[in-house]
Amino acid sequence: MDIRKLRYFLAVAEEGQITKAAKRLHMAQPPLSQQLKLLETELGVRLIERSGSRKIKLTAAGQALRIRAEQMMALSEKTVKELKDIDEGSQGILPIAITASWDATFLPKKINSFHEQYPGVNFQIWEGDTNKVEELLHNGIAEIGIMRIPANLETYETVVLPDEPIVAAFNSKDACVVKADSVRLVELADKPLIICYKHEDLLNYYQEVGLEPKIICRHTDVRSMLAWAVAGLGIAIVPKSAINVIPSNNLSFKEIIEPPLRTMPAAVVWMRNRYLSAAARNFINMFSNAKQIL
């Protein structure tokens, strides 16, 4: 039972008439009828019943074969697609899991660069905390994760990403409280702050100098933090790459210089000893040529 015979059978089953199926397959009716008879002989069952109106009806065996044939054809097409993907990596869907803050500040720019080079690749993006990203990687739902450097490097292969400065995002009307282009954390201690859950360094610094910061919100999403700042609810403490996340004339950014805070180390992560599509490998290659692979 070969793929060609199954394709003929499915055409007949879908059209409900051998004549229409032959036209669809660009072949004469007698050879198609002969192929169906050969398939029935090979399987030892009747697959179709013919009526005087030239319409056909699938037998119980024919109905069962139709389901299996559709599955087999889909698997065949998927296999061909995977082989082409292995060879080129120019088509397909790339599933990526990412923690919230990196989704806002890091991923859009990288995906734009990748999409310019591989316009035939589309994306599926899942967002969550580190545990969720690891779960999606382990279950094979995502091929690539972008998150903090994992502790278990025996499980993952990792390309370390560069850290970046942390800045303070002010509503433009409030930016005058700090006249310089940079700011010290002590100057912000009595101001309403919107911080990310990961900013342990900020909290540790205030504790060391004996100050109690006025934190009005802890958040995981940089875009929402900036929206709060635009609304004048507080000063958002965000990575420098967040400057262009939401276009607004009502935001002013100042670099934090004392102490000079930086983002926590993060990485592009994938499972060791597991198949990676060519699209995933191409995506990783944007970083691996210049960065350290653990």
Protein backbone atom coordinates (compact mmCIF):
# COMPACT_ATOMS: atom_id res chain seq x y z
CA MET A 1 0.00 0.00 0.00
CA ASP A 2 1.85 3.06 -1.23
CA ILE A 3 1.20 6.78 -0.84
CA ARG A 4 0.11 7.15 -4.46
CA LYS A 5 -2.73 4.63 -4.09
CA LEU A 6 -3.85 6.29 -0.86
CA ARG A 7 -3.91 9.67 -2.59
CA TYR A 8 -6.11 8.22 -5.34
CA PHE A 9 -8.43 6.63 -2.79
CA LEU A 10 -8.78 9.86 -0.81
CA ALA A 11 -9.61 11.83 -3.95
CA VAL A 12 -12.43 9.39 -4.74
CA ALA A 13 -13.67 9.44 -1.13
CA GLU A 14 -13.70 13.24 -1.05
CA GLU A 15 -15.29 13.73 -4.48
CA GLY A 16 -17.83 10.92 -4.06
CA GLN A 17 -17.45 10.05 -7.74
CA ILE A 18 -14.66 8.41 -9.70
CA THR A 19 -15.14 10.68 -12.71
CA LYS A 20 -14.72 13.84 -10.64
CA ALA A 21 -11.78 12.36 -8.79
CA ALA A 22 -10.05 11.46 -12.06
CA LYS A 23 -10.52 15.01 -13.32
CA ARG A 24 -9.10 16.39 -10.09
CA LEU A 25 -6.10 14.05 -10.38
CA HIS A 26 -5.62 14.92 -14.07
CA MET A 27 -5.91 11.30 -15.19
CA ALA A 28 -8.36 9.15 -17.12
CA GLN A 29 -11.12 7.30 -15.29
CA PRO A 30 -10.16 3.69 -16.28
CA PRO A 31 -6.64 3.85 -14.77
CA LEU A 32 -8.07 5.34 -11.57
CA SER A 33 -10.66 2.56 -11.32
CA GLN A 34 -7.88 0.03 -11.88
CA GLN A 35 -5.80 1.53 -9.08
CA LEU A 36 -8.75 1.30 -6.68
CA LYS A 37 -9.28 -2.36 -7.59
CA LEU A 38 -5.57 -3.06 -7.02
CA LEU A 39 -5.82 -1.42 -3.60
CA GLU A 40 -8.86 -3.50 -2.68
CA THR A 41 -7.06 -6.66 -3.84
CA GLU A 42 -3.98 -5.75 -1.87
CA LEU A 43 -6.00 -5.17 1.31
CA GLY A 44 -8.44 -8.02 0.74
CA VAL A 45 -11.52 -5.87 1.44
CA ARG A 46 -14.07 -3.84 -0.51
CA LEU A 47 -13.56 -0.12 -0.03
CA ILE A 48 -16.32 1.41 -2.17
CA GLU A 49 -19.79 0.55 -3.38
CA ARG A 50 -20.84 1.83 -6.80
CA SER A 51 -24.39 2.97 -7.63
CA GLY A 52 -26.13 3.49 -10.94
CA SER A 53 -25.72 7.29 -10.64
CA ARG A 54 -21.94 6.87 -10.81
CA LYS A 55 -21.71 8.02 -7.23
CA ILE A 56 -19.75 5.87 -4.82
CA LYS A 57 -20.30 5.08 -1.16
CA LEU A 58 -17.56 4.02 1.21
CA THR A 59 -17.93 0.69 2.93
CA ALA A 60 -17.21 0.38 6.64
CA ALA A 61 -13.68 -0.66 5.71
CA GLY A 62 -13.44 2.28 3.31
CA GLN A 63 -14.50 4.73 6.02
CA ALA A 64 -11.86 3.32 8.36
CA LEU A 65 -9.20 3.54 5.65
CA ARG A 66 -10.16 7.12 4.87
CA ILE A 67 -9.41 8.16 8.47
CA ARG A 68 -6.09 6.31 8.45
CA ALA A 69 -5.18 7.57 5.00
CA GLU A 70 -5.76 11.18 6.03
CA GLN A 71 -3.50 10.65 9.03
CA MET A 72 -0.84 8.98 6.90
CA MET A 73 -0.95 11.73 4.29
CA ALA A 74 -0.65 14.39 6.98
CA LEU A 75 2.33 12.54 8.47
CA SER A 76 3.90 12.25 5.03
CA GLU A 77 3.51 15.97 4.40
CA LYS A 78 4.89 16.77 7.85
CA THR A 79 7.90 14.56 7.20
CA VAL A 80 8.64 16.26 3.90
CA LYS A 81 8.29 19.65 5.58
CA GLU A 82 10.64 18.64 8.40
CA LEU A 83 13.23 17.41 5.93
CA LYS A 84 13.05 20.68 4.03
CA ASP A 85 13.27 22.55 7.32
CA ILE A 86 16.38 20.58 8.29
CA ASP A 87 17.96 21.48 5.00
CA GLU A 88 17.03 25.16 4.84
CA GLY A 89 15.33 26.52 7.95
CA SER A 90 13.57 29.09 5.79
CA GLN A 91 9.99 27.99 6.51
CA GLY A 92 7.97 26.90 9.52
CA ILE A 93 6.94 28.02 12.98
CA LEU A 94 9.44 28.79 15.75
CA PRO A 95 8.02 28.36 19.29
CA ILE A 96 9.74 30.50 21.93
CA ALA A 97 9.05 30.75 25.68
CA ILE A 98 10.20 33.92 27.42
CA THR A 99 9.97 35.61 30.77
CA ALA A 100 7.84 38.74 30.84
CA SER A 101 10.47 41.46 31.17
CA TRP A 102 12.58 40.11 28.30
CA ASP A 103 9.49 39.84 26.10
CA ALA A 104 9.06 43.59 26.27
CA THR A 105 12.64 44.81 26.04
CA PHE A 106 14.55 42.18 24.12
CA LEU A 107 12.47 39.94 21.89
CA PRO A 108 10.77 42.36 19.44
CA LYS A 109 14.06 43.78 18.14
CA LYS A 110 15.62 40.35 17.73
CA ILE A 111 12.57 38.87 16.03
CA ASN A 112 12.49 41.82 13.64
CA SER A 113 16.12 41.19 12.67
CA PHE A 114 15.49 37.47 12.28
CA HIS A 115 12.31 38.02 10.27
CA GLU A 116 14.13 40.24 7.80
CA GLN A 117 16.50 37.36 7.04
CA TYR A 118 13.92 34.54 7.24
CA PRO A 119 10.53 36.03 6.28
CA GLY A 120 8.99 32.57 5.86
CA VAL A 121 9.38 31.73 9.54
CA ASN A 122 6.48 32.57 11.86
CA PHE A 123 6.49 32.57 15.65
CA GLN A 124 4.58 31.16 18.61
CA ILE A 125 5.39 33.03 21.81
CA TRP A 126 4.60 31.88 25.35
CA GLU A 127 5.21 34.19 28.29
CA GLY A 128 5.61 33.19 31.93
CA ASP A 129 7.96 32.96 34.87
CA THR A 130 11.15 30.88 34.83
CA ASN A 131 9.36 27.72 35.99
CA LYS A 132 6.83 28.06 33.19
CA VAL A 133 9.54 28.58 30.57
CA GLU A 134 11.38 25.45 31.78
CA GLU A 135 8.12 23.45 31.73
CA LEU A 136 7.44 24.47 28.11
CA LEU A 137 10.98 23.48 27.11
CA HIS A 138 10.81 20.10 28.85
CA ASN A 139 7.43 19.29 27.31
CA GLY A 140 8.70 20.12 23.83
CA ILE A 141 6.12 22.89 23.36
CA ALA A 142 8.85 25.52 23.01
CA GLU A 143 12.18 24.94 21.29
CA ILE A 144 13.91 28.00 22.72
CA GLY A 145 13.62 29.75 26.08
CA ILE A 146 14.80 33.24 27.03
CA MET A 147 15.16 33.58 30.78
CA ARG A 148 17.63 33.85 33.66
CA ILE A 149 20.63 31.52 33.36
CA PRO A 150 19.38 28.11 34.61
CA ALA A 151 21.13 26.39 37.49
CA ASN A 152 21.13 22.97 35.82
CA LEU A 153 23.46 23.36 32.86
CA GLU A 154 23.55 19.58 32.35
CA THR A 155 19.98 19.79 31.08
CA TYR A 156 20.33 22.87 28.89
CA GLU A 157 22.58 24.43 26.34
CA THR A 158 22.83 28.15 26.87
CA VAL A 159 24.00 31.31 25.14
CA VAL A 160 24.58 34.03 27.72
CA LEU A 161 23.13 37.46 26.91
CA PRO A 162 24.82 40.73 27.89
CA ASP A 163 23.43 42.60 30.86
CA GLU A 164 22.45 46.27 30.56
CA PRO A 165 22.06 49.36 32.76
CA ILE A 166 18.94 50.00 34.81
CA VAL A 167 17.27 53.40 34.34
CA ALA A 168 14.52 55.39 36.00
CA ALA A 169 11.49 56.30 33.87
CA PHE A 170 9.74 59.51 34.98
CA ASN A 171 6.55 61.13 33.85
CA SER A 172 7.89 64.18 32.01
CA LYS A 173 6.14 66.54 34.44
CA ASP A 174 7.91 64.85 37.36
CA ALA A 175 11.35 64.60 35.75
CA CYS A 176 12.26 68.05 37.07
CA VAL A 177 12.61 66.61 40.58
CA VAL A 178 16.02 65.41 39.37
CA LYS A 179 17.66 68.12 37.28
CA ALA A 180 20.65 66.07 36.04
CA ASP A 181 20.54 63.46 33.27
CA SER A 182 21.40 60.79 35.82
CA VAL A 183 20.09 59.96 39.27
CA ARG A 184 21.24 58.39 42.51
CA LEU A 185 19.00 55.88 44.30
CA VAL A 186 19.06 57.96 47.49
CA GLU A 187 17.34 60.75 45.55
CA LEU A 188 14.46 58.37 44.77
CA ALA A 189 13.99 56.88 48.23
CA ASP A 190 11.02 59.12 49.09
CA LYS A 191 9.47 58.97 45.60
CA PRO A 192 6.79 56.43 44.57
CA LEU A 193 8.62 53.60 42.80
CA ILE A 194 7.40 50.93 40.40
CA ILE A 195 9.88 48.07 40.41
CA CYS A 196 10.28 44.62 38.92
CA TYR A 197 10.24 41.60 41.23
CA LYS A 198 13.81 40.82 40.14
CA HIS A 199 15.35 44.06 41.44
CA GLU A 200 16.92 42.58 44.56
CA ASP A 201 20.00 44.83 44.14
CA LEU A 202 17.85 47.93 44.51
CA LEU A 203 16.23 46.69 47.70
CA ASN A 204 19.55 45.50 49.11
CA TYR A 205 21.11 48.92 48.52
CA TYR A 206 18.34 50.75 50.36
CA GLN A 207 18.64 48.31 53.23
CA GLU A 208 22.41 48.86 53.42
CA VAL A 209 22.08 52.65 53.58
CA GLY A 210 19.21 52.47 56.08
CA LEU A 211 16.48 53.88 53.84
CA GLU A 212 12.96 52.60 53.35
CA PRO A 213 11.91 53.04 49.67
CA LYS A 214 8.37 54.03 48.83
CA ILE A 215 7.37 51.16 46.53
CA ILE A 216 3.82 51.52 45.26
CA CYS A 217 3.91 48.56 42.86
CA ARG A 218 5.91 45.42 42.13
CA HIS A 219 5.35 44.17 38.59
CA THR A 220 6.61 41.60 36.07
CA ASP A 221 5.68 43.41 32.86
CA VAL A 222 7.85 46.33 31.73
CA ARG A 223 5.18 47.72 29.41
CA SER A 224 2.70 48.02 32.26
CA MET A 225 5.34 49.59 34.49
CA LEU A 226 5.99 52.27 31.87
CA ALA A 227 2.25 52.83 31.42
CA TRP A 228 1.99 53.52 35.15
CA ALA A 229 4.86 55.99 34.86
CA VAL A 230 3.16 57.74 31.92
CA ALA A 231 0.04 58.08 34.08
CA GLY A 232 2.12 59.79 36.76
CA LEU A 233 1.63 57.05 39.34
CA GLY A 234 5.32 56.66 40.06
CA ILE A 235 8.86 56.24 38.76
CA ALA A 236 9.45 52.96 36.92
CA ILE A 237 12.80 51.23 37.40
CA VAL A 238 13.41 49.40 34.11
CA PRO A 239 16.19 48.10 31.79
CA LYS A 240 17.66 50.71 29.45
CA SER A 241 16.34 48.82 26.42
CA ALA A 242 12.81 49.66 27.62
CA ILE A 243 13.26 53.24 26.45
CA ASN A 244 11.56 52.50 23.12
CA VAL A 245 9.03 49.94 24.33
CA ILE A 246 6.09 52.35 24.40
CA PRO A 247 6.44 55.55 22.34
CA SER A 248 5.48 58.47 24.54
CA ASN A 249 6.37 62.14 24.85
CA ASN A 250 5.35 61.91 28.50
CA LEU A 251 8.32 59.79 29.59
CA SER A 252 11.81 60.91 30.55
CA PHE A 253 14.62 58.43 31.31
CA LYS A 254 17.58 58.96 33.62
CA GLU A 255 20.40 56.48 34.17
CA ILE A 256 20.94 55.30 37.72
CA ILE A 257 24.59 55.94 38.56
CA GLU A 258 24.84 55.37 42.32
CA PRO A 259 24.94 52.47 42.61
CA PRO A 260 25.15 51.58 38.89
CA LEU A 261 22.43 48.89 38.69
CA ARG A 262 22.39 46.34 35.87
CA THR A 263 19.96 43.66 34.75
CA MET A 264 20.38 40.13 36.05
CA PRO A 265 22.20 37.69 33.70
CA ALA A 266 19.89 36.05 31.18
CA ALA A 267 20.33 33.55 28.37
CA VAL A 268 18.91 31.93 25.28
CA VAL A 269 18.24 28.34 26.41
CA TRP A 270 17.39 25.04 24.73
CA MET A 271 17.34 21.38 25.74
CA ARG A 272 20.50 19.32 25.34
CA ASN A 273 20.40 16.25 23.09
CA ARG A 274 17.03 17.15 21.55
CA TYR A 275 16.15 17.84 17.93
CA LEU A 276 16.18 21.52 17.03
CA SER A 277 14.59 22.79 13.84
CA ALA A 278 16.82 24.69 11.45
CA ALA A 279 14.78 27.81 12.23
CA ALA A 280 15.66 27.43 15.92
CA ARG A 281 19.32 26.86 15.10
CA ASN A 282 19.34 29.94 12.87
CA PHE A 283 17.77 31.98 15.67
CA ILE A 284 20.39 30.78 18.17
CA ASN A 285 23.16 31.59 15.69
CA MET A 286 22.26 35.29 15.99
CA PHE A 287 23.82 35.12 19.45
CA SER A 288 26.22 32.18 19.55
CA ASN A 289 28.81 33.63 17.19
CA ALA A 290 29.53 36.50 19.53
CA LYS A 291 28.56 35.16 22.94
CA GLN A 292 29.77 32.48 25.29
CA ILE A 293 28.01 29.10 25.08
CA LEU A 294 27.80 27.25 28.41
